[in-house]
Amino acid sequence: MDKKRILTILGLSFFLIGLPLGSWYYLNSGYNYYKGVMDKLEPKGIVPDFSLSDQNGNIINNDSLKGKLYIADFFFASCPNECLEMAENLQIVQDAFKDNRNVVITSFSTDPFNDSTAVLKQYANGLEAINYQWYFLRGEQAEIFQLAKEGFKLPADINDNDADITHSPYFVIVDDKGQIRNYYDGTDAVAVKTMIANISVIMPRKPDPEIEVKEVSEY
């Protein structure tokens, strides 16, 4: 059998067997990757009702966030360490979805005694937060701690030894039905990139109006 004929047979064999197998592997790998992502994004509980005021003195609650995917985190404005890393990474998240009003950020202050509405407004301005997309929320400290621990399943408390406030560095994805979908280390740039990619998979696609807000006087 001459060399040319051998090459022809090998070429036909690849076309008839190798190409279909390669295509199957490619498609199956993509499916498995997608399934793996979706398995990690399975709902992990419902966020309980809350009603808090933002940096503009407006009420933000479950109803006003309904139909939107949001990223939640806990912080306080005078936090000198991980909060700064978290805020910088949330700026990246905001930039990634700045034209999408169905994806918003809710940052819950664990220090409402010092984080007044004016302080949160100044903090938001320093981060160039978009008013309709990034909400810095405050309320009674006990309510915030309870929401963190029982609602988002994250630690938040006052350290008995030195009275410092402790909170988790994790971001939480909450979908448009109010379901927790996953947790990501807010100080890890790679984890945040993964979170952005995952948000793109499950974010709501339909157009939605801006959040309706009500004026509230600061307590």
N, C-alpha and C. Protein backbone atom coordinates (compact mmCIF):
# COMPACT_ATOMS: atom_id res chain seq x y z
N MET A 1 0.87 -1.20 0.00
CA MET A 1 0.00 0.00 0.00
C MET A 1 0.90 1.24 0.00
N ASP A 2 0.66 2.12 -0.97
CA ASP A 2 1.55 3.26 -1.06
C ASP A 2 1.24 4.30 0.01
N LYS A 3 2.19 5.20 0.20
CA LYS A 3 2.10 6.21 1.26
C LYS A 3 0.89 7.12 1.10
N LYS A 4 0.59 7.49 -0.14
CA LYS A 4 -0.53 8.40 -0.40
C LYS A 4 -1.85 7.78 0.03
N ARG A 5 -1.98 6.47 -0.27
CA ARG A 5 -3.22 5.78 0.10
C ARG A 5 -3.37 5.68 1.61
N ILE A 6 -2.26 5.43 2.28
CA ILE A 6 -2.28 5.35 3.75
C ILE A 6 -2.73 6.67 4.35
N LEU A 7 -2.19 7.76 3.83
CA LEU A 7 -2.56 9.08 4.34
C LEU A 7 -4.03 9.37 4.09
N THR A 8 -4.52 8.92 2.93
CA THR A 8 -5.94 9.13 2.61
C THR A 8 -6.83 8.38 3.59
N ILE A 9 -6.47 7.13 3.89
CA ILE A 9 -7.25 6.32 4.83
C ILE A 9 -7.23 6.94 6.22
N LEU A 10 -6.05 7.39 6.64
CA LEU A 10 -5.93 8.03 7.96
C LEU A 10 -6.77 9.30 8.03
N GLY A 11 -6.76 10.07 6.94
CA GLY A 11 -7.55 11.30 6.91
C GLY A 11 -9.03 11.01 7.01
N LEU A 12 -9.50 10.00 6.26
CA LEU A 12 -10.91 9.62 6.31
C LEU A 12 -11.28 9.09 7.69
N SER A 13 -10.38 8.32 8.29
CA SER A 13 -10.64 7.78 9.64
C SER A 13 -10.82 8.91 10.65
N PHE A 14 -9.97 9.92 10.55
CA PHE A 14 -10.10 11.07 11.46
C PHE A 14 -11.42 11.78 11.26
N PHE A 15 -11.78 11.96 9.98
CA PHE A 15 -13.01 12.67 9.66
C PHE A 15 -14.24 11.92 10.16
N LEU A 16 -14.22 10.57 9.99
CA LEU A 16 -15.39 9.76 10.34
C LEU A 16 -15.46 9.41 11.82
N ILE A 17 -14.32 9.33 12.49
CA ILE A 17 -14.30 8.90 13.90
C ILE A 17 -13.79 10.00 14.81
N GLY A 18 -12.63 10.55 14.48
CA GLY A 18 -11.99 11.51 15.38
C GLY A 18 -12.77 12.81 15.53
N LEU A 19 -13.25 13.34 14.40
CA LEU A 19 -13.97 14.61 14.47
C LEU A 19 -15.25 14.52 15.28
N PRO A 20 -16.10 13.48 15.06
CA PRO A 20 -17.30 13.37 15.91
C PRO A 20 -16.97 13.19 17.38
N LEU A 21 -15.92 12.38 17.67
CA LEU A 21 -15.54 12.19 19.07
C LEU A 21 -15.04 13.48 19.69
N GLY A 22 -14.26 14.23 18.91
CA GLY A 22 -13.76 15.51 19.41
C GLY A 22 -14.89 16.49 19.67
N SER A 23 -15.85 16.52 18.75
CA SER A 23 -17.00 17.41 18.93
C SER A 23 -17.81 17.03 20.16
N TRP A 24 -18.01 15.71 20.32
CA TRP A 24 -18.75 15.22 21.51
C TRP A 24 -18.03 15.62 22.78
N TYR A 25 -16.71 15.44 22.81
CA TYR A 25 -15.94 15.78 24.00
C TYR A 25 -16.03 17.27 24.31
N TYR A 26 -15.93 18.09 23.25
CA TYR A 26 -15.99 19.54 23.43
C TYR A 26 -17.33 19.96 24.00
N LEU A 27 -18.41 19.44 23.41
CA LEU A 27 -19.75 19.81 23.86
C LEU A 27 -20.02 19.28 25.25
N ASN A 28 -19.57 18.05 25.52
CA ASN A 28 -19.81 17.46 26.83
C ASN A 28 -19.03 18.17 27.91
N SER A 29 -17.80 18.58 27.58
CA SER A 29 -16.98 19.32 28.55
C SER A 29 -17.64 20.65 28.90
N GLY A 30 -18.16 21.34 27.87
CA GLY A 30 -18.84 22.60 28.11
C GLY A 30 -20.07 22.41 28.99
N TYR A 31 -20.81 21.33 28.70
CA TYR A 31 -22.01 21.05 29.51
C TYR A 31 -21.63 20.76 30.95
N ASN A 32 -20.59 19.94 31.14
CA ASN A 32 -20.17 19.60 32.50
C ASN A 32 -19.69 20.82 33.26
N TYR A 33 -18.97 21.72 32.56
CA TYR A 33 -18.52 22.95 33.20
C TYR A 33 -19.72 23.78 33.64
N TYR A 34 -20.68 23.95 32.73
CA TYR A 34 -21.88 24.73 33.04
C TYR A 34 -22.65 24.10 34.20
N LYS A 35 -22.79 22.76 34.16
CA LYS A 35 -23.50 22.07 35.24
C LYS A 35 -22.77 22.25 36.56
N GLY A 36 -21.44 22.19 36.52
CA GLY A 36 -20.67 22.39 37.75
C GLY A 36 -20.89 23.77 38.34
N VAL A 37 -20.93 24.78 37.47
CA VAL A 37 -21.19 26.15 37.93
C VAL A 37 -22.59 26.25 38.53
N MET A 38 -23.59 25.70 37.85
CA MET A 38 -24.96 25.79 38.32
C MET A 38 -25.18 25.02 39.61
N ASP A 39 -24.46 23.90 39.77
CA ASP A 39 -24.57 23.15 41.03
C ASP A 39 -24.10 24.00 42.20
N LYS A 40 -23.01 24.74 41.99
CA LYS A 40 -22.50 25.61 43.06
C LYS A 40 -23.45 26.77 43.33
N LEU A 41 -24.25 27.12 42.33
CA LEU A 41 -25.15 28.26 42.46
C LEU A 41 -26.57 27.85 42.86
N GLU A 42 -26.72 26.62 43.32
CA GLU A 42 -28.02 26.18 43.81
C GLU A 42 -28.47 27.06 44.97
N PRO A 43 -29.76 27.40 45.08
CA PRO A 43 -30.24 28.24 46.18
C PRO A 43 -29.87 27.67 47.55
N LYS A 44 -29.45 28.56 48.45
CA LYS A 44 -28.99 28.15 49.77
C LYS A 44 -29.80 28.81 50.89
N GLY A 45 -31.01 29.24 50.58
CA GLY A 45 -31.85 29.86 51.60
C GLY A 45 -32.38 31.20 51.13
N ILE A 46 -33.40 31.68 51.83
CA ILE A 46 -34.05 32.95 51.51
C ILE A 46 -33.61 34.02 52.51
N VAL A 47 -33.30 35.21 52.00
CA VAL A 47 -32.95 36.33 52.88
C VAL A 47 -34.22 36.82 53.57
N PRO A 48 -34.22 36.93 54.90
CA PRO A 48 -35.42 37.38 55.60
C PRO A 48 -35.71 38.86 55.34
N ASP A 49 -36.89 39.31 55.73
CA ASP A 49 -37.29 40.70 55.51
C ASP A 49 -36.37 41.66 56.27
N PHE A 50 -36.05 42.76 55.63
CA PHE A 50 -35.32 43.84 56.28
C PHE A 50 -35.77 45.16 55.67
N SER A 51 -35.58 46.22 56.40
CA SER A 51 -35.90 47.56 55.91
C SER A 51 -34.92 48.53 56.54
N LEU A 52 -34.04 49.09 55.73
CA LEU A 52 -32.94 49.93 56.21
C LEU A 52 -32.85 51.19 55.36
N SER A 53 -32.11 52.18 55.85
CA SER A 53 -31.94 53.42 55.09
C SER A 53 -30.57 53.45 54.44
N ASP A 54 -30.48 54.10 53.28
CA ASP A 54 -29.22 54.14 52.55
C ASP A 54 -28.50 55.48 52.73
N GLN A 55 -27.44 55.69 51.96
CA GLN A 55 -26.61 56.89 52.10
C GLN A 55 -27.33 58.16 51.69
N ASN A 56 -28.47 58.02 51.05
CA ASN A 56 -29.26 59.18 50.66
C ASN A 56 -30.51 59.36 51.52
N GLY A 57 -30.61 58.56 52.58
CA GLY A 57 -31.76 58.67 53.47
C GLY A 57 -33.00 57.99 52.94
N ASN A 58 -32.84 57.11 51.96
CA ASN A 58 -33.98 56.40 51.38
C ASN A 58 -34.10 54.99 51.94
N ILE A 59 -35.33 54.48 52.00
CA ILE A 59 -35.58 53.13 52.50
C ILE A 59 -35.30 52.11 51.40
N ILE A 60 -34.50 51.10 51.76
CA ILE A 60 -34.25 49.96 50.89
C ILE A 60 -34.68 48.71 51.64
N ASN A 61 -35.52 47.90 51.00
CA ASN A 61 -35.99 46.68 51.65
C ASN A 61 -36.12 45.55 50.63
N ASN A 62 -36.66 44.42 51.09
CA ASN A 62 -36.80 43.27 50.19
C ASN A 62 -37.67 43.58 48.98
N ASP A 63 -38.74 44.32 49.23
CA ASP A 63 -39.65 44.64 48.12
C ASP A 63 -38.98 45.51 47.06
N SER A 64 -38.19 46.48 47.50
CA SER A 64 -37.54 47.36 46.53
C SER A 64 -36.43 46.65 45.76
N LEU A 65 -35.93 45.54 46.32
CA LEU A 65 -34.88 44.76 45.64
C LEU A 65 -35.45 43.58 44.85
N LYS A 66 -36.75 43.37 44.97
CA LYS A 66 -37.37 42.25 44.27
C LYS A 66 -37.18 42.37 42.76
N GLY A 67 -36.82 41.28 42.13
CA GLY A 67 -36.60 41.28 40.69
C GLY A 67 -35.19 41.68 40.31
N LYS A 68 -34.34 41.98 41.30
CA LYS A 68 -32.95 42.36 41.03
C LYS A 68 -32.01 41.36 41.69
N LEU A 69 -30.89 41.10 41.05
CA LEU A 69 -29.82 40.34 41.69
C LEU A 69 -28.97 41.35 42.46
N TYR A 70 -28.62 41.00 43.72
CA TYR A 70 -27.74 41.91 44.45
C TYR A 70 -26.60 41.18 45.14
N ILE A 71 -25.51 41.91 45.30
CA ILE A 71 -24.34 41.42 46.02
C ILE A 71 -24.35 42.08 47.38
N ALA A 72 -24.32 41.29 48.44
CA ALA A 72 -24.36 41.82 49.80
C ALA A 72 -23.01 41.65 50.48
N ASP A 73 -22.65 42.65 51.29
CA ASP A 73 -21.47 42.51 52.13
C ASP A 73 -21.69 43.31 53.41
N PHE A 74 -20.86 43.04 54.42
CA PHE A 74 -20.93 43.75 55.70
C PHE A 74 -19.60 44.45 55.95
N PHE A 75 -19.67 45.69 56.43
CA PHE A 75 -18.49 46.53 56.56
C PHE A 75 -18.76 47.61 57.60
N PHE A 76 -17.78 48.45 57.86
CA PHE A 76 -18.01 49.73 58.53
C PHE A 76 -17.00 50.73 57.99
N ALA A 77 -17.39 51.99 57.94
CA ALA A 77 -16.62 52.99 57.20
C ALA A 77 -15.22 53.22 57.75
N SER A 78 -15.04 53.04 59.06
CA SER A 78 -13.72 53.30 59.65
C SER A 78 -12.85 52.05 59.71
N CYS A 79 -13.31 50.97 59.14
CA CYS A 79 -12.54 49.72 59.11
C CYS A 79 -11.25 49.95 58.33
N PRO A 80 -10.08 49.70 58.93
CA PRO A 80 -8.82 50.07 58.29
C PRO A 80 -8.20 49.01 57.38
N ASN A 81 -8.73 47.78 57.44
CA ASN A 81 -8.02 46.70 56.76
C ASN A 81 -8.81 46.09 55.62
N GLU A 82 -9.45 44.95 55.88
CA GLU A 82 -10.07 44.19 54.79
C GLU A 82 -11.23 44.93 54.13
N CYS A 83 -11.87 45.85 54.86
CA CYS A 83 -12.99 46.60 54.26
C CYS A 83 -12.52 47.39 53.04
N LEU A 84 -11.30 47.90 53.09
CA LEU A 84 -10.78 48.67 51.96
C LEU A 84 -10.59 47.78 50.74
N GLU A 85 -10.07 46.56 50.95
CA GLU A 85 -9.92 45.61 49.85
C GLU A 85 -11.28 45.24 49.29
N MET A 86 -12.23 45.00 50.18
CA MET A 86 -13.58 44.63 49.76
C MET A 86 -14.21 45.75 48.93
N ALA A 87 -14.05 46.99 49.40
CA ALA A 87 -14.63 48.13 48.69
C ALA A 87 -14.02 48.28 47.30
N GLU A 88 -12.71 48.11 47.22
CA GLU A 88 -12.04 48.22 45.90
C GLU A 88 -12.55 47.13 44.95
N ASN A 89 -12.76 45.93 45.47
CA ASN A 89 -13.26 44.85 44.62
C ASN A 89 -14.72 45.08 44.23
N LEU A 90 -15.49 45.72 45.12
CA LEU A 90 -16.87 46.04 44.75
C LEU A 90 -16.92 47.14 43.70
N GLN A 91 -15.92 48.00 43.67
CA GLN A 91 -15.84 48.97 42.58
C GLN A 91 -15.70 48.25 41.24
N ILE A 92 -14.92 47.17 41.23
CA ILE A 92 -14.75 46.37 40.02
C ILE A 92 -16.08 45.74 39.61
N VAL A 93 -16.82 45.25 40.61
CA VAL A 93 -18.13 44.65 40.34
C VAL A 93 -19.08 45.71 39.77
N GLN A 94 -19.08 46.90 40.39
CA GLN A 94 -19.94 47.97 39.90
C GLN A 94 -19.60 48.33 38.45
N ASP A 95 -18.33 48.43 38.14
CA ASP A 95 -17.91 48.75 36.78
C ASP A 95 -18.35 47.66 35.79
N ALA A 96 -18.33 46.41 36.25
CA ALA A 96 -18.70 45.30 35.36
C ALA A 96 -20.18 45.33 34.98
N PHE A 97 -21.01 45.90 35.87
CA PHE A 97 -22.46 45.89 35.64
C PHE A 97 -23.07 47.29 35.70
N LYS A 98 -22.28 48.31 35.42
CA LYS A 98 -22.75 49.68 35.62
C LYS A 98 -23.89 50.08 34.70
N ASP A 99 -24.06 49.39 33.59
CA ASP A 99 -25.16 49.70 32.68
C ASP A 99 -26.37 48.78 32.89
N ASN A 100 -26.30 47.96 33.92
CA ASN A 100 -27.37 46.99 34.18
C ASN A 100 -28.05 47.34 35.51
N ARG A 101 -29.25 47.88 35.44
CA ARG A 101 -29.97 48.28 36.65
C ARG A 101 -30.58 47.09 37.40
N ASN A 102 -30.44 45.89 36.84
CA ASN A 102 -30.95 44.70 37.51
C ASN A 102 -29.91 44.03 38.39
N VAL A 103 -28.69 44.60 38.44
CA VAL A 103 -27.63 44.08 39.31
C VAL A 103 -27.17 45.23 40.21
N VAL A 104 -27.35 45.07 41.53
CA VAL A 104 -27.02 46.14 42.46
C VAL A 104 -26.17 45.58 43.62
N ILE A 105 -25.63 46.50 44.39
CA ILE A 105 -24.77 46.14 45.53
C ILE A 105 -25.39 46.70 46.80
N THR A 106 -25.43 45.90 47.86
CA THR A 106 -25.92 46.37 49.16
C THR A 106 -24.83 46.14 50.20
N SER A 107 -24.28 47.23 50.72
CA SER A 107 -23.24 47.14 51.75
C SER A 107 -23.87 47.53 53.09
N PHE A 108 -23.89 46.58 54.02
CA PHE A 108 -24.56 46.77 55.31
C PHE A 108 -23.54 47.22 56.36
N SER A 109 -23.76 48.39 56.95
CA SER A 109 -22.84 48.89 57.98
C SER A 109 -23.10 48.17 59.30
N THR A 110 -22.03 47.67 59.90
CA THR A 110 -22.13 47.03 61.21
C THR A 110 -21.84 48.02 62.34
N ASP A 111 -21.66 49.30 62.00
CA ASP A 111 -21.34 50.32 63.00
C ASP A 111 -22.23 51.56 62.78
N PRO A 112 -23.54 51.42 62.97
CA PRO A 112 -24.44 52.55 62.70
C PRO A 112 -24.27 53.72 63.66
N PHE A 113 -23.63 53.49 64.80
CA PHE A 113 -23.41 54.58 65.75
C PHE A 113 -22.46 55.63 65.17
N ASN A 114 -21.49 55.17 64.41
CA ASN A 114 -20.54 56.09 63.78
C ASN A 114 -20.84 56.32 62.29
N ASP A 115 -21.47 55.34 61.67
CA ASP A 115 -21.78 55.46 60.24
C ASP A 115 -23.15 56.11 60.05
N SER A 116 -23.19 57.41 60.25
CA SER A 116 -24.42 58.16 60.03
C SER A 116 -24.71 58.22 58.53
N THR A 117 -25.87 58.74 58.18
CA THR A 117 -26.21 58.89 56.77
C THR A 117 -25.18 59.76 56.07
N ALA A 118 -24.75 60.84 56.74
CA ALA A 118 -23.76 61.75 56.15
C ALA A 118 -22.42 61.05 55.94
N VAL A 119 -22.02 60.23 56.93
CA VAL A 119 -20.75 59.51 56.82
C VAL A 119 -20.82 58.50 55.66
N LEU A 120 -21.93 57.80 55.56
CA LEU A 120 -22.08 56.83 54.47
C LEU A 120 -22.11 57.51 53.11
N LYS A 121 -22.71 58.69 53.07
CA LYS A 121 -22.75 59.45 51.82
C LYS A 121 -21.34 59.83 51.39
N GLN A 122 -20.55 60.31 52.33
CA GLN A 122 -19.17 60.68 52.03
C GLN A 122 -18.35 59.46 51.61
N TYR A 123 -18.58 58.35 52.30
CA TYR A 123 -17.88 57.10 51.98
C TYR A 123 -18.24 56.63 50.57
N ALA A 124 -19.53 56.71 50.24
CA ALA A 124 -20.00 56.31 48.91
C ALA A 124 -19.40 57.20 47.83
N ASN A 125 -19.36 58.49 48.08
CA ASN A 125 -18.78 59.42 47.11
C ASN A 125 -17.30 59.13 46.87
N GLY A 126 -16.60 58.76 47.94
CA GLY A 126 -15.18 58.45 47.81
C GLY A 126 -14.93 57.23 46.94
N LEU A 127 -15.92 56.33 46.89
CA LEU A 127 -15.80 55.12 46.07
C LEU A 127 -16.44 55.31 44.69
N GLU A 128 -16.95 56.52 44.44
CA GLU A 128 -17.65 56.82 43.19
C GLU A 128 -18.81 55.85 42.97
N ALA A 129 -19.53 55.58 44.07
CA ALA A 129 -20.67 54.67 44.00
C ALA A 129 -21.80 55.31 43.20
N ILE A 130 -22.41 54.54 42.31
CA ILE A 130 -23.56 55.00 41.54
C ILE A 130 -24.80 54.87 42.42
N ASN A 131 -25.54 55.95 42.59
CA ASN A 131 -26.65 55.97 43.53
C ASN A 131 -27.67 54.87 43.31
N TYR A 132 -27.98 54.58 42.05
CA TYR A 132 -29.02 53.59 41.79
C TYR A 132 -28.49 52.15 41.81
N GLN A 133 -27.17 52.00 42.01
CA GLN A 133 -26.59 50.66 41.92
C GLN A 133 -25.86 50.19 43.17
N TRP A 134 -25.43 51.10 44.01
CA TRP A 134 -24.68 50.70 45.20
C TRP A 134 -25.26 51.40 46.42
N TYR A 135 -25.83 50.61 47.32
CA TYR A 135 -26.52 51.14 48.50
C TYR A 135 -25.73 50.81 49.76
N PHE A 136 -25.44 51.84 50.54
CA PHE A 136 -24.77 51.68 51.83
C PHE A 136 -25.85 51.81 52.90
N LEU A 137 -26.12 50.70 53.60
CA LEU A 137 -27.31 50.61 54.44
C LEU A 137 -26.98 50.64 55.92
N ARG A 138 -27.87 51.28 56.68
CA ARG A 138 -27.71 51.35 58.13
C ARG A 138 -29.04 51.10 58.81
N GLY A 139 -28.96 50.65 60.05
CA GLY A 139 -30.14 50.40 60.87
C GLY A 139 -29.68 50.16 62.29
N GLU A 140 -30.53 49.60 63.13
CA GLU A 140 -30.12 49.26 64.49
C GLU A 140 -29.03 48.19 64.43
N GLN A 141 -27.98 48.36 65.24
CA GLN A 141 -26.86 47.42 65.18
C GLN A 141 -27.29 45.99 65.45
N ALA A 142 -28.16 45.81 66.44
CA ALA A 142 -28.63 44.46 66.77
C ALA A 142 -29.35 43.84 65.58
N GLU A 143 -30.11 44.65 64.85
CA GLU A 143 -30.83 44.17 63.67
C GLU A 143 -29.85 43.75 62.57
N ILE A 144 -28.78 44.54 62.38
CA ILE A 144 -27.78 44.22 61.35
C ILE A 144 -27.06 42.92 61.71
N PHE A 145 -26.67 42.79 62.98
CA PHE A 145 -25.99 41.57 63.41
C PHE A 145 -26.88 40.34 63.20
N GLN A 146 -28.15 40.47 63.55
CA GLN A 146 -29.08 39.36 63.39
C GLN A 146 -29.26 39.01 61.91
N LEU A 147 -29.36 40.04 61.08
CA LEU A 147 -29.51 39.82 59.64
C LEU A 147 -28.29 39.10 59.07
N ALA A 148 -27.11 39.52 59.52
CA ALA A 148 -25.88 38.88 59.05
C ALA A 148 -25.84 37.41 59.45
N LYS A 149 -26.10 37.14 60.72
CA LYS A 149 -25.94 35.78 61.25
C LYS A 149 -27.07 34.84 60.85
N GLU A 150 -28.30 35.31 60.98
CA GLU A 150 -29.44 34.43 60.73
C GLU A 150 -29.92 34.49 59.27
N GLY A 151 -29.74 35.65 58.64
CA GLY A 151 -30.20 35.80 57.27
C GLY A 151 -29.18 35.37 56.24
N PHE A 152 -27.97 35.97 56.34
CA PHE A 152 -26.92 35.68 55.36
C PHE A 152 -25.95 34.60 55.82
N LYS A 153 -26.11 34.12 57.05
CA LYS A 153 -25.26 33.06 57.60
C LYS A 153 -23.79 33.47 57.65
N LEU A 154 -23.56 34.74 58.03
CA LEU A 154 -22.21 35.28 58.15
C LEU A 154 -22.00 35.81 59.56
N PRO A 155 -20.78 35.71 60.08
CA PRO A 155 -20.52 36.24 61.42
C PRO A 155 -20.50 37.77 61.43
N ALA A 156 -21.01 38.32 62.52
CA ALA A 156 -20.95 39.78 62.75
C ALA A 156 -21.25 40.00 64.22
N ASP A 157 -20.34 40.67 64.92
CA ASP A 157 -20.54 40.85 66.36
C ASP A 157 -19.51 41.85 66.88
N ILE A 158 -19.59 42.10 68.18
CA ILE A 158 -18.61 42.95 68.86
C ILE A 158 -17.69 42.06 69.66
N ASN A 159 -16.39 42.22 69.46
CA ASN A 159 -15.41 41.43 70.18
C ASN A 159 -15.41 41.84 71.65
N ASP A 160 -15.66 40.90 72.52
CA ASP A 160 -15.74 41.19 73.96
C ASP A 160 -14.42 41.66 74.55
N ASN A 161 -13.32 41.26 73.94
CA ASN A 161 -12.00 41.59 74.50
C ASN A 161 -11.61 43.05 74.28
N ASP A 162 -11.87 43.57 73.08
CA ASP A 162 -11.42 44.92 72.77
C ASP A 162 -12.50 45.81 72.17
N ALA A 163 -13.74 45.32 72.17
CA ALA A 163 -14.90 46.09 71.69
C ALA A 163 -14.83 46.37 70.19
N ASP A 164 -13.91 45.71 69.48
CA ASP A 164 -13.85 45.87 68.03
C ASP A 164 -15.01 45.12 67.36
N ILE A 165 -15.43 45.63 66.23
CA ILE A 165 -16.50 44.98 65.48
C ILE A 165 -15.89 43.95 64.55
N THR A 166 -16.41 42.73 64.59
CA THR A 166 -15.96 41.68 63.68
C THR A 166 -17.06 41.40 62.65
N HIS A 167 -16.64 41.15 61.43
CA HIS A 167 -17.60 40.82 60.37
C HIS A 167 -16.89 39.98 59.32
N SER A 168 -17.66 39.35 58.47
CA SER A 168 -17.10 38.47 57.45
C SER A 168 -16.60 39.28 56.25
N PRO A 169 -15.53 38.82 55.59
CA PRO A 169 -15.07 39.48 54.37
C PRO A 169 -15.76 38.93 53.12
N TYR A 170 -16.73 38.06 53.31
CA TYR A 170 -17.35 37.40 52.16
C TYR A 170 -18.47 38.23 51.53
N PHE A 171 -18.54 38.13 50.19
CA PHE A 171 -19.65 38.68 49.43
C PHE A 171 -20.68 37.57 49.23
N VAL A 172 -21.94 37.97 49.14
CA VAL A 172 -23.02 37.01 48.96
C VAL A 172 -23.83 37.41 47.73
N ILE A 173 -24.05 36.47 46.82
CA ILE A 173 -24.95 36.71 45.69
C ILE A 173 -26.37 36.33 46.11
N VAL A 174 -27.30 37.27 45.95
CA VAL A 174 -28.71 37.01 46.19
C VAL A 174 -29.45 37.23 44.87
N ASP A 175 -30.20 36.23 44.43
CA ASP A 175 -30.83 36.33 43.11
C ASP A 175 -32.10 37.17 43.13
N ASP A 176 -32.76 37.29 41.99
CA ASP A 176 -33.92 38.16 41.86
C ASP A 176 -35.16 37.64 42.59
N LYS A 177 -35.05 36.44 43.18
CA LYS A 177 -36.14 35.91 44.00
C LYS A 177 -35.81 35.96 45.49
N GLY A 178 -34.68 36.62 45.82
CA GLY A 178 -34.29 36.74 47.22
C GLY A 178 -33.59 35.52 47.77
N GLN A 179 -33.08 34.65 46.89
CA GLN A 179 -32.40 33.43 47.32
C GLN A 179 -30.89 33.61 47.32
N ILE A 180 -30.24 33.16 48.39
CA ILE A 180 -28.78 33.16 48.43
C ILE A 180 -28.27 32.10 47.47
N ARG A 181 -27.34 32.49 46.59
CA ARG A 181 -26.84 31.56 45.57
C ARG A 181 -25.39 31.13 45.81
N ASN A 182 -24.55 32.01 46.38
CA ASN A 182 -23.18 31.58 46.67
C ASN A 182 -22.43 32.65 47.46
N TYR A 183 -21.26 32.25 47.97
CA TYR A 183 -20.40 33.12 48.77
C TYR A 183 -19.02 33.20 48.13
N TYR A 184 -18.40 34.40 48.23
CA TYR A 184 -17.08 34.63 47.61
C TYR A 184 -16.24 35.51 48.54
N ASP A 185 -14.97 35.17 48.65
CA ASP A 185 -14.06 35.96 49.48
C ASP A 185 -13.87 37.34 48.84
N GLY A 186 -14.35 38.37 49.53
CA GLY A 186 -14.31 39.72 48.99
C GLY A 186 -12.93 40.34 48.96
N THR A 187 -11.93 39.67 49.55
CA THR A 187 -10.56 40.18 49.52
C THR A 187 -9.70 39.45 48.49
N ASP A 188 -10.29 38.49 47.80
CA ASP A 188 -9.56 37.67 46.83
C ASP A 188 -9.98 38.08 45.41
N ALA A 189 -9.05 38.66 44.67
CA ALA A 189 -9.35 39.17 43.33
C ALA A 189 -9.83 38.07 42.39
N VAL A 190 -9.25 36.87 42.51
CA VAL A 190 -9.65 35.76 41.65
C VAL A 190 -11.08 35.33 41.98
N ALA A 191 -11.40 35.26 43.27
CA ALA A 191 -12.76 34.89 43.69
C ALA A 191 -13.77 35.91 43.19
N VAL A 192 -13.40 37.18 43.20
CA VAL A 192 -14.31 38.23 42.74
C VAL A 192 -14.54 38.11 41.24
N LYS A 193 -13.50 37.79 40.47
CA LYS A 193 -13.66 37.58 39.03
C LYS A 193 -14.60 36.40 38.76
N THR A 194 -14.46 35.35 39.57
CA THR A 194 -15.36 34.19 39.44
C THR A 194 -16.79 34.60 39.75
N MET A 195 -16.97 35.42 40.79
CA MET A 195 -18.29 35.90 41.15
C MET A 195 -18.93 36.69 40.01
N ILE A 196 -18.17 37.56 39.39
CA ILE A 196 -18.68 38.36 38.27
C ILE A 196 -19.14 37.44 37.13
N ALA A 197 -18.34 36.41 36.85
CA ALA A 197 -18.71 35.46 35.79
C ALA A 197 -19.98 34.71 36.17
N ASN A 198 -20.10 34.32 37.44
CA ASN A 198 -21.29 33.59 37.89
C ASN A 198 -22.53 34.47 37.87
N ILE A 199 -22.37 35.75 38.21
CA ILE A 199 -23.50 36.68 38.15
C ILE A 199 -24.03 36.77 36.72
N SER A 200 -23.12 36.78 35.77
CA SER A 200 -23.52 36.88 34.36
C SER A 200 -24.37 35.69 33.93
N VAL A 201 -24.20 34.55 34.61
CA VAL A 201 -24.97 33.36 34.27
C VAL A 201 -26.40 33.45 34.79
N ILE A 202 -26.58 33.97 36.01
CA ILE A 202 -27.90 33.90 36.66
C ILE A 202 -28.61 35.24 36.79
N MET A 203 -28.01 36.33 36.34
CA MET A 203 -28.65 37.64 36.52
C MET A 203 -29.93 37.73 35.71
N PRO A 204 -30.92 38.50 36.19
CA PRO A 204 -32.16 38.68 35.44
C PRO A 204 -31.91 39.40 34.13
N ARG A 205 -32.62 39.02 33.09
CA ARG A 205 -32.40 39.58 31.76
C ARG A 205 -33.42 40.64 31.37
N LYS A 206 -34.58 40.61 32.01
CA LYS A 206 -35.64 41.53 31.59
C LYS A 206 -35.33 42.94 32.06
N PRO A 207 -35.75 43.98 31.33
CA PRO A 207 -35.58 45.36 31.78
C PRO A 207 -36.42 45.62 33.01
N ASP A 208 -35.92 46.45 33.89
CA ASP A 208 -36.63 46.71 35.14
C ASP A 208 -36.49 48.18 35.50
N PRO A 209 -37.50 48.80 36.09
CA PRO A 209 -37.38 50.21 36.48
C PRO A 209 -36.46 50.38 37.66
N GLU A 210 -36.11 51.64 37.92
CA GLU A 210 -35.26 51.92 39.07
C GLU A 210 -35.98 51.53 40.36
N ILE A 211 -35.20 51.30 41.42
CA ILE A 211 -35.77 50.99 42.72
C ILE A 211 -36.61 52.16 43.22
N GLU A 212 -37.79 51.85 43.71
CA GLU A 212 -38.62 52.90 44.30
C GLU A 212 -38.18 53.09 45.74
N VAL A 213 -37.95 54.32 46.13
CA VAL A 213 -37.46 54.60 47.47
C VAL A 213 -38.37 55.59 48.16
N LYS A 214 -38.33 55.57 49.49
CA LYS A 214 -39.12 56.51 50.28
C LYS A 214 -38.19 57.27 51.21
N GLU A 215 -38.50 58.52 51.41
CA GLU A 215 -37.70 59.34 52.32
C GLU A 215 -37.88 58.85 53.74
N VAL A 216 -36.82 58.89 54.53
CA VAL A 216 -36.90 58.53 55.95
C VAL A 216 -35.96 59.44 56.72
N SER A 217 -36.39 59.87 57.87
CA SER A 217 -35.54 60.73 58.69
C SER A 217 -34.57 59.87 59.47
N GLU A 218 -33.35 60.33 59.65
CA GLU A 218 -32.31 59.58 60.34
C GLU A 218 -32.64 59.50 61.83
N TYR A 219 -32.40 58.34 62.41
CA TYR A 219 -32.64 58.19 63.84
C TYR A 219 -31.35 58.49 64.60
